[in-house]
């Protein structure tokens, strides 16, 4: 036994998959900025993280990133359609 006690145990806890975190961050940020770029990135990172889920943690984050990426693209398409049709019209005739 050393004078300083026992050394710290090796970290045996599961580490979260970096691709799952990247997918989630891209999905969340894509809701506000650059959805046409960050949406597909969130889908790609989420899908890759789901493939690696057996080896590392982060399955929930990977699914969330994948879903948010799809939502990003849907919102982008809706915004393009609205812009192409002249935008919203709040005029109530009278």
PDB file of N, CA and C in Angstrom:
ATOM      1  N   UNK A   1       0.846  -1.175   0.000  1.00  0.00           N
ATOM      2  CA  UNK A   1       0.000   0.000   0.000  1.00  0.00           C
ATOM      3  C   UNK A   1       0.887   1.231   0.000  1.00  0.00           C
ATOM      4  N   UNK A   2       0.601   2.140  -0.878  1.00  0.00           N
ATOM      5  CA  UNK A   2       1.409   3.346  -0.962  1.00  0.00           C
ATOM      6  C   UNK A   2       0.901   4.386   0.024  1.00  0.00           C
ATOM      7  N   UNK A   3       1.689   5.422   0.211  1.00  0.00           N
ATOM      8  CA  UNK A   3       1.334   6.482   1.148  1.00  0.00           C
ATOM      9  C   UNK A   3       0.164   7.320   0.634  1.00  0.00           C
ATOM     10  N   UNK A   4      -0.089   7.262  -0.642  1.00  0.00           N
ATOM     11  CA  UNK A   4      -1.143   8.085  -1.236  1.00  0.00           C
ATOM     12  C   UNK A   4      -2.448   7.332  -1.433  1.00  0.00           C
ATOM     13  N   UNK A   5      -2.529   6.111  -0.985  1.00  0.00           N
ATOM     14  CA  UNK A   5      -3.751   5.336  -1.173  1.00  0.00           C
ATOM     15  C   UNK A   5      -3.714   4.588  -2.491  1.00  0.00           C
ATOM     16  N   UNK A   6      -4.818   4.000  -2.823  1.00  0.00           N
ATOM     17  CA  UNK A   6      -4.870   3.218  -4.060  1.00  0.00           C
ATOM     18  C   UNK A   6      -5.048   4.134  -5.260  1.00  0.00           C
ATOM     19  N   UNK A   7      -4.501   3.719  -6.391  1.00  0.00           N
ATOM     20  CA  UNK A   7      -4.659   4.553  -7.592  1.00  0.00           C
ATOM     21  C   UNK A   7      -6.118   4.548  -8.046  1.00  0.00           C
ATOM     22  N   UNK A   8      -6.530   5.574  -8.759  1.00  0.00           N
ATOM     23  CA  UNK A   8      -7.915   5.611  -9.231  1.00  0.00           C
ATOM     24  C   UNK A   8      -8.179   4.463 -10.197  1.00  0.00           C
ATOM     25  N   UNK A   9      -9.361   3.912 -10.089  1.00  0.00           N
ATOM     26  CA  UNK A   9      -9.731   2.795 -10.956  1.00  0.00           C
ATOM     27  C   UNK A   9      -9.886   3.297 -12.383  1.00  0.00           C
ATOM     28  N   UNK A  10      -9.602   2.413 -13.311  1.00  0.00           N
ATOM     29  CA  UNK A  10      -9.776   2.767 -14.722  1.00  0.00           C
ATOM     30  C   UNK A  10     -11.255   2.991 -14.994  1.00  0.00           C
ATOM     31  N   UNK A  11     -11.534   3.948 -15.831  1.00  0.00           N
ATOM     32  CA  UNK A  11     -12.921   4.279 -16.143  1.00  0.00           C
ATOM     33  C   UNK A  11     -13.551   3.146 -16.936  1.00  0.00           C
ATOM     34  N   UNK A  12     -14.493   2.455 -16.300  1.00  0.00           N
ATOM     35  CA  UNK A  12     -15.148   1.364 -16.990  1.00  0.00           C
ATOM     36  C   UNK A  12     -16.541   1.758 -17.450  1.00  0.00           C
ATOM     37  N   UNK A  13     -16.953   2.999 -17.180  1.00  0.00           N
ATOM     38  CA  UNK A  13     -18.266   3.468 -17.602  1.00  0.00           C
ATOM     39  C   UNK A  13     -18.317   3.614 -19.119  1.00  0.00           C
ATOM     40  N   UNK A  14     -19.522   3.559 -19.647  1.00  0.00           N
ATOM     41  CA  UNK A  14     -19.656   3.660 -21.094  1.00  0.00           C
ATOM     42  C   UNK A  14     -19.479   5.103 -21.540  1.00  0.00           C
ATOM     43  N   UNK A  15     -18.807   5.260 -22.629  1.00  0.00           N
ATOM     44  CA  UNK A  15     -18.615   6.577 -23.214  1.00  0.00           C
ATOM     45  C   UNK A  15     -19.665   6.770 -24.294  1.00  0.00           C
ATOM     46  N   UNK A  16     -20.160   7.996 -24.401  1.00  0.00           N
ATOM     47  CA  UNK A  16     -21.172   8.288 -25.406  1.00  0.00           C
ATOM     48  C   UNK A  16     -20.506   8.451 -26.761  1.00  0.00           C
ATOM     49  N   UNK A  17     -21.166   7.949 -27.764  1.00  0.00           N
ATOM     50  CA  UNK A  17     -20.658   8.000 -29.128  1.00  0.00           C
ATOM     51  C   UNK A  17     -20.588   9.449 -29.602  1.00  0.00           C
ATOM     52  N   UNK A  18     -19.446   9.849 -30.120  1.00  0.00           N
ATOM     53  CA  UNK A  18     -19.267  11.210 -30.613  1.00  0.00           C
ATOM     54  C   UNK A  18     -20.146  11.529 -31.806  1.00  0.00           C
ATOM     55  N   UNK A  19     -20.415  10.531 -32.641  1.00  0.00           N
ATOM     56  CA  UNK A  19     -21.299  10.760 -33.788  1.00  0.00           C
ATOM     57  C   UNK A  19     -22.728  11.033 -33.329  1.00  0.00           C
ATOM     58  N   UNK A  20     -23.150  10.383 -32.245  1.00  0.00           N
ATOM     59  CA  UNK A  20     -24.493  10.629 -31.715  1.00  0.00           C
ATOM     60  C   UNK A  20     -24.605  12.061 -31.206  1.00  0.00           C
ATOM     61  N   UNK A  21     -23.571  12.522 -30.530  1.00  0.00           N
ATOM     62  CA  UNK A  21     -23.567  13.903 -30.032  1.00  0.00           C
ATOM     63  C   UNK A  21     -23.559  14.878 -31.203  1.00  0.00           C
ATOM     64  N   UNK A  22     -22.740  14.610 -32.212  1.00  0.00           N
ATOM     65  CA  UNK A  22     -22.669  15.489 -33.388  1.00  0.00           C
ATOM     66  C   UNK A  22     -24.014  15.533 -34.115  1.00  0.00           C
ATOM     67  N   UNK A  23     -24.671  14.393 -34.244  1.00  0.00           N
ATOM     68  CA  UNK A  23     -25.982  14.355 -34.893  1.00  0.00           C
ATOM     69  C   UNK A  23     -27.016  15.149 -34.133  1.00  0.00           C
ATOM     70  N   UNK A  24     -27.006  15.005 -32.804  1.00  0.00           N
ATOM     71  CA  UNK A  24     -27.964  15.744 -31.981  1.00  0.00           C
ATOM     72  C   UNK A  24     -27.722  17.250 -32.054  1.00  0.00           C
ATOM     73  N   UNK A  25     -26.465  17.653 -31.979  1.00  0.00           N
ATOM     74  CA  UNK A  25     -26.139  19.084 -32.045  1.00  0.00           C
ATOM     75  C   UNK A  25     -26.506  19.652 -33.416  1.00  0.00           C
ATOM     76  N   UNK A  26     -26.175  18.932 -34.477  1.00  0.00           N
ATOM     77  CA  UNK A  26     -26.532  19.404 -35.826  1.00  0.00           C
ATOM     78  C   UNK A  26     -28.048  19.508 -35.982  1.00  0.00           C
ATOM     79  N   UNK A  27     -28.780  18.550 -35.419  1.00  0.00           N
ATOM     80  CA  UNK A  27     -30.233  18.588 -35.503  1.00  0.00           C
ATOM     81  C   UNK A  27     -30.832  19.758 -34.763  1.00  0.00           C
ATOM     82  N   UNK A  28     -30.308  20.038 -33.569  1.00  0.00           N
ATOM     83  CA  UNK A  28     -30.841  21.153 -32.780  1.00  0.00           C
ATOM     84  C   UNK A  28     -30.486  22.493 -33.411  1.00  0.00           C
ATOM     85  N   UNK A  29     -29.239  22.685 -33.785  1.00  0.00           N
ATOM     86  CA  UNK A  29     -28.819  23.952 -34.392  1.00  0.00           C
ATOM     87  C   UNK A  29     -29.491  24.138 -35.745  1.00  0.00           C
ATOM     88  N   UNK A  30     -29.716  23.035 -36.467  1.00  0.00           N
ATOM     89  CA  UNK A  30     -30.361  23.109 -37.772  1.00  0.00           C
ATOM     90  C   UNK A  30     -31.795  23.599 -37.707  1.00  0.00           C
ATOM     91  N   UNK A  31     -32.427  23.508 -36.541  1.00  0.00           N
ATOM     92  CA  UNK A  31     -33.781  24.056 -36.407  1.00  0.00           C
ATOM     93  C   UNK A  31     -33.789  25.568 -36.542  1.00  0.00           C
ATOM     94  N   UNK A  32     -32.645  26.203 -36.253  1.00  0.00           N
ATOM     95  CA  UNK A  32     -32.572  27.664 -36.246  1.00  0.00           C
ATOM     96  C   UNK A  32     -31.716  28.237 -37.374  1.00  0.00           C
ATOM     97  N   UNK A  33     -30.642  27.537 -37.747  1.00  0.00           N
ATOM     98  CA  UNK A  33     -29.706  28.053 -38.746  1.00  0.00           C
ATOM     99  C   UNK A  33     -29.327  26.953 -39.732  1.00  0.00           C
ATOM    100  N   UNK A  34     -29.190  27.299 -40.995  1.00  0.00           N
ATOM    101  CA  UNK A  34     -28.637  26.420 -42.028  1.00  0.00           C
ATOM    102  C   UNK A  34     -29.236  25.020 -42.040  1.00  0.00           C
ATOM    103  N   UNK A  35     -30.554  24.945 -42.022  1.00  0.00           N
ATOM    104  CA  UNK A  35     -31.205  23.637 -41.955  1.00  0.00           C
ATOM    105  C   UNK A  35     -30.918  22.778 -43.183  1.00  0.00           C
ATOM    106  N   UNK A  36     -30.658  23.405 -44.319  1.00  0.00           N
ATOM    107  CA  UNK A  36     -30.396  22.634 -45.530  1.00  0.00           C
ATOM    108  C   UNK A  36     -29.048  21.922 -45.447  1.00  0.00           C
ATOM    109  N   UNK A  37     -28.123  22.428 -44.656  1.00  0.00           N
ATOM    110  CA  UNK A  37     -26.815  21.806 -44.499  1.00  0.00           C
ATOM    111  C   UNK A  37     -26.793  20.902 -43.271  1.00  0.00           C
ATOM    112  N   UNK A  38     -27.278  21.419 -42.145  1.00  0.00           N
ATOM    113  CA  UNK A  38     -27.188  20.685 -40.894  1.00  0.00           C
ATOM    114  C   UNK A  38     -28.199  19.544 -40.799  1.00  0.00           C
ATOM    115  N   UNK A  39     -29.315  19.635 -41.501  1.00  0.00           N
ATOM    116  CA  UNK A  39     -30.295  18.549 -41.500  1.00  0.00           C
ATOM    117  C   UNK A  39     -29.720  17.248 -42.050  1.00  0.00           C
ATOM    118  N   UNK A  40     -29.170  17.274 -43.264  1.00  0.00           N
ATOM    119  CA  UNK A  40     -28.556  16.043 -43.785  1.00  0.00           C
ATOM    120  C   UNK A  40     -27.379  15.553 -42.939  1.00  0.00           C
ATOM    121  N   UNK A  41     -26.600  16.483 -42.377  1.00  0.00           N
ATOM    122  CA  UNK A  41     -25.495  16.059 -41.510  1.00  0.00           C
ATOM    123  C   UNK A  41     -26.025  15.347 -40.276  1.00  0.00           C
ATOM    124  N   UNK A  42     -27.110  15.856 -39.699  1.00  0.00           N
ATOM    125  CA  UNK A  42     -27.706  15.206 -38.530  1.00  0.00           C
ATOM    126  C   UNK A  42     -28.208  13.810 -38.884  1.00  0.00           C
ATOM    127  N   UNK A  43     -28.788  13.666 -40.073  1.00  0.00           N
ATOM    128  CA  UNK A  43     -29.267  12.352 -40.509  1.00  0.00           C
ATOM    129  C   UNK A  43     -28.098  11.389 -40.691  1.00  0.00           C
ATOM    130  N   UNK A  44     -27.042  11.848 -41.330  1.00  0.00           N
ATOM    131  CA  UNK A  44     -25.876  10.995 -41.575  1.00  0.00           C
ATOM    132  C   UNK A  44     -25.214  10.593 -40.260  1.00  0.00           C
ATOM    133  N   UNK A  45     -24.955  11.582 -39.393  1.00  0.00           N
ATOM    134  CA  UNK A  45     -24.307  11.276 -38.106  1.00  0.00           C
ATOM    135  C   UNK A  45     -25.184  10.369 -37.251  1.00  0.00           C
ATOM    136  N   UNK A  46     -26.491  10.613 -37.247  1.00  0.00           N
ATOM    137  CA  UNK A  46     -27.398   9.779 -36.462  1.00  0.00           C
ATOM    138  C   UNK A  46     -27.437   8.350 -36.961  1.00  0.00           C
ATOM    139  N   UNK A  47     -27.462   8.174 -38.285  1.00  0.00           N
ATOM    140  CA  UNK A  47     -27.489   6.821 -38.852  1.00  0.00           C
ATOM    141  C   UNK A  47     -26.185   6.076 -38.570  1.00  0.00           C
ATOM    142  N   UNK A  48     -25.065   6.771 -38.713  1.00  0.00           N
ATOM    143  CA  UNK A  48     -23.779   6.128 -38.421  1.00  0.00           C
ATOM    144  C   UNK A  48     -23.664   5.768 -36.940  1.00  0.00           C
ATOM    145  N   UNK A  49     -24.168   6.629 -36.076  1.00  0.00           N
ATOM    146  CA  UNK A  49     -24.111   6.350 -34.643  1.00  0.00           C
ATOM    147  C   UNK A  49     -25.005   5.176 -34.280  1.00  0.00           C
ATOM    148  N   UNK A  50     -26.152   5.041 -34.952  1.00  0.00           N
ATOM    149  CA  UNK A  50     -27.018   3.899 -34.684  1.00  0.00           C
ATOM    150  C   UNK A  50     -26.349   2.591 -35.090  1.00  0.00           C
ATOM    151  N   UNK A  51     -25.557   2.611 -36.141  1.00  0.00           N
ATOM    152  CA  UNK A  51     -24.821   1.411 -36.549  1.00  0.00           C
ATOM    153  C   UNK A  51     -23.775   1.022 -35.509  1.00  0.00           C
ATOM    154  N   UNK A  52     -23.194   2.020 -34.843  1.00  0.00           N
ATOM    155  CA  UNK A  52     -22.153   1.771 -33.859  1.00  0.00           C
ATOM    156  C   UNK A  52     -22.712   1.632 -32.448  1.00  0.00           C
ATOM    157  N   UNK A  53     -24.021   1.642 -32.298  1.00  0.00           N
ATOM    158  CA  UNK A  53     -24.650   1.667 -30.984  1.00  0.00           C
ATOM    159  C   UNK A  53     -24.260   0.464 -30.124  1.00  0.00           C
ATOM    160  N   UNK A  54     -24.005  -0.682 -30.726  1.00  0.00           N
ATOM    161  CA  UNK A  54     -23.677  -1.871 -29.954  1.00  0.00           C
ATOM    162  C   UNK A  54     -22.359  -1.700 -29.208  1.00  0.00           C
ATOM    163  N   UNK A  55     -21.412  -0.993 -29.813  1.00  0.00           N
ATOM    164  CA  UNK A  55     -20.091  -0.829 -29.205  1.00  0.00           C
ATOM    165  C   UNK A  55     -20.058   0.324 -28.213  1.00  0.00           C
ATOM    166  N   UNK A  56     -20.824   1.364 -28.467  1.00  0.00           N
ATOM    167  CA  UNK A  56     -20.791   2.546 -27.600  1.00  0.00           C
ATOM    168  C   UNK A  56     -22.209   2.957 -27.245  1.00  0.00           C
ATOM    169  N   UNK A  57     -22.323   3.844 -26.277  1.00  0.00           N
ATOM    170  CA  UNK A  57     -23.630   4.351 -25.872  1.00  0.00           C
ATOM    171  C   UNK A  57     -24.089   5.476 -26.774  1.00  0.00           C
ATOM    172  N   UNK A  58     -25.271   5.979 -26.508  1.00  0.00           N
ATOM    173  CA  UNK A  58     -25.770   7.128 -27.258  1.00  0.00           C
ATOM    174  C   UNK A  58     -26.847   6.791 -28.260  1.00  0.00           C
ATOM    175  N   UNK A  59     -27.528   5.663 -28.076  1.00  0.00           N
ATOM    176  CA  UNK A  59     -28.579   5.286 -29.014  1.00  0.00           C
ATOM    177  C   UNK A  59     -29.722   6.281 -29.038  1.00  0.00           C
ATOM    178  N   UNK A  60     -30.088   6.793 -27.875  1.00  0.00           N
ATOM    179  CA  UNK A  60     -31.173   7.775 -27.808  1.00  0.00           C
ATOM    180  C   UNK A  60     -30.805   9.077 -28.486  1.00  0.00           C
ATOM    181  N   UNK A  61     -29.571   9.517 -28.272  1.00  0.00           N
ATOM    182  CA  UNK A  61     -29.118  10.745 -28.930  1.00  0.00           C
ATOM    183  C   UNK A  61     -29.033  10.558 -30.433  1.00  0.00           C
ATOM    184  N   UNK A  62     -28.629   9.374 -30.869  1.00  0.00           N
ATOM    185  CA  UNK A  62     -28.542   9.100 -32.299  1.00  0.00           C
ATOM    186  C   UNK A  62     -29.921   9.156 -32.941  1.00  0.00           C
ATOM    187  N   UNK A  63     -30.917   8.554 -32.283  1.00  0.00           N
ATOM    188  CA  UNK A  63     -32.288   8.594 -32.808  1.00  0.00           C
ATOM    189  C   UNK A  63     -32.827  10.014 -32.825  1.00  0.00           C
ATOM    190  N   UNK A  64     -32.544  10.766 -31.762  1.00  0.00           N
ATOM    191  CA  UNK A  64     -33.007  12.150 -31.702  1.00  0.00           C
ATOM    192  C   UNK A  64     -32.370  12.988 -32.803  1.00  0.00           C
ATOM    193  N   UNK A  65     -31.076  12.790 -33.046  1.00  0.00           N
ATOM    194  CA  UNK A  65     -30.406  13.512 -34.125  1.00  0.00           C
ATOM    195  C   UNK A  65     -30.981  13.163 -35.482  1.00  0.00           C
ATOM    196  N   UNK A  66     -31.283  11.883 -35.683  1.00  0.00           N
ATOM    197  CA  UNK A  66     -31.876  11.435 -36.942  1.00  0.00           C
ATOM    198  C   UNK A  66     -33.251  12.074 -37.147  1.00  0.00           C
ATOM    199  N   UNK A  67     -34.067  12.070 -36.115  1.00  0.00           N
ATOM    200  CA  UNK A  67     -35.411  12.656 -36.207  1.00  0.00           C
ATOM    201  C   UNK A  67     -35.339  14.166 -36.409  1.00  0.00           C
ATOM    202  N   UNK A  68     -34.467  14.838 -35.671  1.00  0.00           N
ATOM    203  CA  UNK A  68     -34.328  16.285 -35.833  1.00  0.00           C
ATOM    204  C   UNK A  68     -33.804  16.648 -37.217  1.00  0.00           C
ATOM    205  N   UNK A  69     -32.930  15.820 -37.787  1.00  0.00           N
ATOM    206  CA  UNK A  69     -32.455  16.058 -39.148  1.00  0.00           C
ATOM    207  C   UNK A  69     -33.580  16.000 -40.158  1.00  0.00           C
ATOM    208  N   UNK A  70     -34.474  15.028 -39.997  1.00  0.00           N
ATOM    209  CA  UNK A  70     -35.631  14.928 -40.893  1.00  0.00           C
ATOM    210  C   UNK A  70     -36.544  16.138 -40.711  1.00  0.00           C
ATOM    211  N   UNK A  71     -36.761  16.550 -39.466  1.00  0.00           N
ATOM    212  CA  UNK A  71     -37.589  17.736 -39.200  1.00  0.00           C
ATOM    213  C   UNK A  71     -36.955  18.980 -39.811  1.00  0.00           C
ATOM    214  N   UNK A  72     -35.637  19.094 -39.730  1.00  0.00           N
ATOM    215  CA  UNK A  72     -34.935  20.228 -40.348  1.00  0.00           C
ATOM    216  C   UNK A  72     -35.225  20.305 -41.839  1.00  0.00           C
ATOM    217  N   UNK A  73     -35.133  19.166 -42.512  1.00  0.00           N
ATOM    218  CA  UNK A  73     -35.366  19.161 -43.960  1.00  0.00           C
ATOM    219  C   UNK A  73     -36.826  19.454 -44.301  1.00  0.00           C
ATOM    220  N   UNK A  74     -37.744  18.934 -43.508  1.00  0.00           N
ATOM    221  CA  UNK A  74     -39.167  19.205 -43.753  1.00  0.00           C
ATOM    222  C   UNK A  74     -39.454  20.696 -43.574  1.00  0.00           C
ATOM    223  N   UNK A  75     -38.910  21.293 -42.515  1.00  0.00           N
ATOM    224  CA  UNK A  75     -39.111  22.728 -42.311  1.00  0.00           C
ATOM    225  C   UNK A  75     -38.498  23.555 -43.432  1.00  0.00           C
ATOM    226  N   UNK A  76     -37.341  23.127 -43.930  1.00  0.00           N
ATOM    227  CA  UNK A  76     -36.722  23.844 -45.040  1.00  0.00           C
ATOM    228  C   UNK A  76     -37.605  23.781 -46.287  1.00  0.00           C
ATOM    229  N   UNK A  77     -38.146  22.613 -46.571  1.00  0.00           N
ATOM    230  CA  UNK A  77     -39.024  22.467 -47.746  1.00  0.00           C
ATOM    231  C   UNK A  77     -40.273  23.318 -47.579  1.00  0.00           C
ATOM    232  N   UNK A  78     -40.861  23.333 -46.394  1.00  0.00           N
ATOM    233  CA  UNK A  78     -42.054  24.161 -46.144  1.00  0.00           C
ATOM    234  C   UNK A  78     -41.726  25.634 -46.329  1.00  0.00           C
ATOM    235  N   UNK A  79     -40.573  26.072 -45.836  1.00  0.00           N
ATOM    236  CA  UNK A  79     -40.193  27.477 -45.993  1.00  0.00           C
ATOM    237  C   UNK A  79     -39.984  27.838 -47.467  1.00  0.00           C
ATOM    238  N   UNK A  80     -39.412  26.940 -48.236  1.00  0.00           N
ATOM    239  CA  UNK A  80     -39.221  27.200 -49.669  1.00  0.00           C
ATOM    240  C   UNK A  80     -40.568  27.297 -50.382  1.00  0.00           C
ATOM    241  N   UNK A  81     -41.502  26.402 -50.048  1.00  0.00           N
ATOM    242  CA  UNK A  81     -42.828  26.431 -50.676  1.00  0.00           C
ATOM    243  C   UNK A  81     -43.565  27.715 -50.303  1.00  0.00           C
ATOM    244  N   UNK A  82     -43.483  28.119 -49.051  1.00  0.00           N
ATOM    245  CA  UNK A  82     -44.148  29.347 -48.621  1.00  0.00           C
ATOM    246  C   UNK A  82     -43.541  30.557 -49.321  1.00  0.00           C
ATOM    247  N   UNK A  83     -42.220  30.580 -49.426  1.00  0.00           N
ATOM    248  CA  UNK A  83     -41.561  31.704 -50.098  1.00  0.00           C
ATOM    249  C   UNK A  83     -41.905  31.736 -51.586  1.00  0.00           C
ATOM    250  N   UNK A  84     -42.033  30.575 -52.197  1.00  0.00           N
ATOM    251  CA  UNK A  84     -42.354  30.529 -53.629  1.00  0.00           C
ATOM    252  C   UNK A  84     -43.782  30.987 -53.908  1.00  0.00           C
ATOM    253  N   UNK A  85     -44.654  30.850 -52.918  1.00  0.00           N
ATOM    254  CA  UNK A  85     -46.041  31.264 -53.095  1.00  0.00           C
ATOM    255  C   UNK A  85     -46.307  32.682 -52.604  1.00  0.00           C
ATOM    256  N   UNK A  86     -45.286  33.452 -52.370  1.00  0.00           N
ATOM    257  CA  UNK A  86     -45.459  34.842 -51.981  1.00  0.00           C
ATOM    258  C   UNK A  86     -45.505  35.064 -50.490  1.00  0.00           C
ATOM    259  N   UNK A  87     -45.212  34.068 -49.692  1.00  0.00           N
ATOM    260  CA  UNK A  87     -45.196  34.240 -48.241  1.00  0.00           C
ATOM    261  C   UNK A  87     -46.581  34.171 -47.634  1.00  0.00           C
ATOM    262  N   UNK A  88     -46.635  34.458 -46.354  1.00  0.00           N
ATOM    263  CA  UNK A  88     -47.912  34.454 -45.655  1.00  0.00           C
ATOM    264  C   UNK A  88     -48.660  35.744 -45.929  1.00  0.00           C
ATOM    265  N   UNK A  89     -49.954  35.670 -45.991  1.00  0.00           N
ATOM    266  CA  UNK A  89     -50.773  36.859 -46.163  1.00  0.00           C
ATOM    267  C   UNK A  89     -51.684  36.991 -44.946  1.00  0.00           C
ATOM    268  N   UNK A  90     -51.441  38.025 -44.156  1.00  0.00           N
ATOM    269  CA  UNK A  90     -52.223  38.234 -42.944  1.00  0.00           C
ATOM    270  C   UNK A  90     -53.328  39.256 -43.168  1.00  0.00           C
ATOM    271  N   UNK A  91     -53.544  39.655 -44.400  1.00  0.00           N
ATOM    272  CA  UNK A  91     -54.563  40.654 -44.695  1.00  0.00           C
ATOM    273  C   UNK A  91     -55.951  40.049 -44.548  1.00  0.00           C
ATOM    274  N   UNK A  92     -56.756  40.672 -43.711  1.00  0.00           N
ATOM    275  CA  UNK A  92     -58.139  40.246 -43.562  1.00  0.00           C
ATOM    276  C   UNK A  92     -58.978  41.303 -44.255  1.00  0.00           C
ATOM    277  N   UNK A  93     -59.502  40.903 -45.397  1.00  0.00           N
ATOM    278  CA  UNK A  93     -60.202  41.861 -46.264  1.00  0.00           C
ATOM    279  C   UNK A  93     -61.417  42.493 -45.604  1.00  0.00           C
ATOM    280  N   UNK A  94     -61.742  43.635 -46.122  1.00  0.00           N
ATOM    281  CA  UNK A  94     -62.898  44.310 -45.547  1.00  0.00           C
ATOM    282  C   UNK A  94     -63.268  45.529 -46.325  1.00  0.00           C
TER     283      UNK A  94
END
